[in-house]
């Protein structure tokens, strides 16, 4: 960060001015020096985050957090398990006495 310097008036020009103007200019220069110092301190505070100070990570703004690592692409397809609904289960026929029931389930996909 570049340090700002308060501009100074050449002494010959300043002495040629009335005393009231000289005092006014001196007051403005002191005010400007104070503001420049305060600005530099605030910029230093603004540049701090949890990585370079004792602040907790929760105090970091969201736009300053490190980017998340990219996950590797899985070989599995997205989504849940392929299951049929109960409406797809149909009996195979009328069972005779002593025969077991057999269900046919049609898979979706």
Protein backbone atom coordinates (compact mmCIF):
# COMPACT_ATOMS: atom_id res chain seq x y z
CA UNK A 1 0.00 0.00 0.00
CA UNK A 2 1.39 3.38 -1.01
CA UNK A 3 1.80 5.89 1.80
CA UNK A 4 0.16 9.21 1.10
CA UNK A 5 2.05 12.37 1.86
CA UNK A 6 0.45 15.64 2.83
CA UNK A 7 1.40 18.31 0.28
CA UNK A 8 3.37 21.24 1.69
CA UNK A 9 3.25 24.84 0.50
CA UNK A 10 6.57 26.50 -0.22
CA UNK A 11 7.61 28.68 2.72
CA UNK A 12 8.03 31.82 0.55
CA UNK A 13 4.48 31.55 -0.77
CA UNK A 14 3.08 30.84 2.71
CA UNK A 15 4.81 33.86 4.28
CA UNK A 16 3.41 36.15 1.59
CA UNK A 17 -0.14 35.27 2.68
CA UNK A 18 -2.03 36.98 5.53
CA UNK A 19 -1.64 35.48 9.02
CA UNK A 20 -5.26 34.24 9.11
CA UNK A 21 -4.78 32.34 5.87
CA UNK A 22 -1.50 30.84 7.14
CA UNK A 23 -3.24 29.60 10.30
CA UNK A 24 -6.13 28.20 8.26
CA UNK A 25 -3.75 26.33 5.95
CA UNK A 26 -1.79 24.95 8.94
CA UNK A 27 -5.04 23.67 10.49
CA UNK A 28 -6.08 21.99 7.23
CA UNK A 29 -2.67 20.32 6.91
CA UNK A 30 -2.92 18.92 10.47
CA UNK A 31 -6.43 17.66 9.76
CA UNK A 32 -5.28 16.06 6.52
CA UNK A 33 -2.37 14.32 8.28
CA UNK A 34 -4.76 12.94 10.91
CA UNK A 35 -7.19 11.69 8.27
CA UNK A 36 -4.43 10.03 6.24
CA UNK A 37 -3.14 8.23 9.34
CA UNK A 38 -6.63 7.14 10.33
CA UNK A 39 -7.34 5.93 6.79
CA UNK A 40 -4.19 3.79 6.76
CA UNK A 41 -5.09 2.23 10.13
CA UNK A 42 -8.60 1.39 8.94
CA UNK A 43 -7.30 -0.12 5.71
CA UNK A 44 -4.98 -2.31 7.76
CA UNK A 45 -7.89 -3.47 9.92
CA UNK A 46 -10.04 -4.12 6.87
CA UNK A 47 -7.35 -6.33 5.34
CA UNK A 48 -7.37 -8.66 8.37
CA UNK A 49 -9.21 -11.96 8.37
CA UNK A 50 -8.99 -15.21 10.30
CA UNK A 51 -5.90 -16.27 8.34
CA UNK A 52 -3.69 -13.33 9.39
CA UNK A 53 -5.12 -12.33 12.80
CA UNK A 54 -6.64 -13.81 15.93
CA UNK A 55 -10.19 -13.41 14.61
CA UNK A 56 -12.38 -16.55 14.50
CA UNK A 57 -13.28 -17.93 11.06
CA UNK A 58 -16.93 -17.05 11.62
CA UNK A 59 -16.01 -13.37 11.40
CA UNK A 60 -14.83 -13.74 7.79
CA UNK A 61 -17.29 -12.43 5.25
CA UNK A 62 -18.62 -15.06 2.83
CA UNK A 63 -16.86 -13.58 -0.17
CA UNK A 64 -13.45 -13.98 1.52
CA UNK A 65 -13.69 -17.68 2.30
CA UNK A 66 -11.39 -19.98 0.35
CA UNK A 67 -13.06 -21.73 -2.56
CA UNK A 68 -14.35 -25.25 -2.00
CA UNK A 69 -12.42 -28.12 -3.50
CA UNK A 70 -13.99 -29.73 -6.54
CA UNK A 71 -15.32 -33.22 -5.92
CA UNK A 72 -14.28 -36.03 -8.17
CA UNK A 73 -16.99 -37.30 -10.51
CA UNK A 74 -18.45 -40.55 -9.28
CA UNK A 75 -18.96 -43.50 -11.61
CA UNK A 76 -22.41 -44.06 -10.09
CA UNK A 77 -25.46 -42.41 -11.66
CA UNK A 78 -27.18 -39.60 -9.81
CA UNK A 79 -30.40 -40.21 -7.94
CA UNK A 80 -31.74 -42.87 -5.63
CA UNK A 81 -32.43 -46.52 -6.10
CA UNK A 82 -34.62 -47.60 -9.00
CA UNK A 83 -37.78 -49.01 -7.49
CA UNK A 84 -41.19 -49.56 -8.94
CA UNK A 85 -44.37 -48.32 -7.40
CA UNK A 86 -47.01 -50.73 -6.07
CA UNK A 87 -49.14 -50.11 -9.15
CA UNK A 88 -46.56 -51.97 -11.26
CA UNK A 89 -46.92 -55.22 -9.31
CA UNK A 90 -49.39 -57.51 -11.07
CA UNK A 91 -50.37 -61.09 -10.40
CA UNK A 92 -49.34 -63.67 -13.01
CA UNK A 93 -52.60 -65.45 -13.18
CA UNK A 94 -55.12 -67.17 -11.03
CA UNK A 95 -53.42 -69.60 -8.69
CA UNK A 96 -54.78 -73.09 -8.46
CA UNK A 97 -55.13 -74.86 -5.20
CA UNK A 98 -51.75 -75.64 -3.67
CA UNK A 99 -49.88 -73.40 -6.13
CA UNK A 100 -47.83 -70.47 -5.00
CA UNK A 101 -48.47 -66.95 -6.17
CA UNK A 102 -45.86 -65.44 -8.42
CA UNK A 103 -45.52 -61.70 -8.88
CA UNK A 104 -43.96 -60.01 -11.86
CA UNK A 105 -42.36 -56.68 -11.20
CA UNK A 106 -41.46 -54.47 -14.10
CA UNK A 107 -38.35 -52.34 -13.49
CA UNK A 108 -38.42 -48.68 -14.43
CA UNK A 109 -35.62 -47.48 -16.59
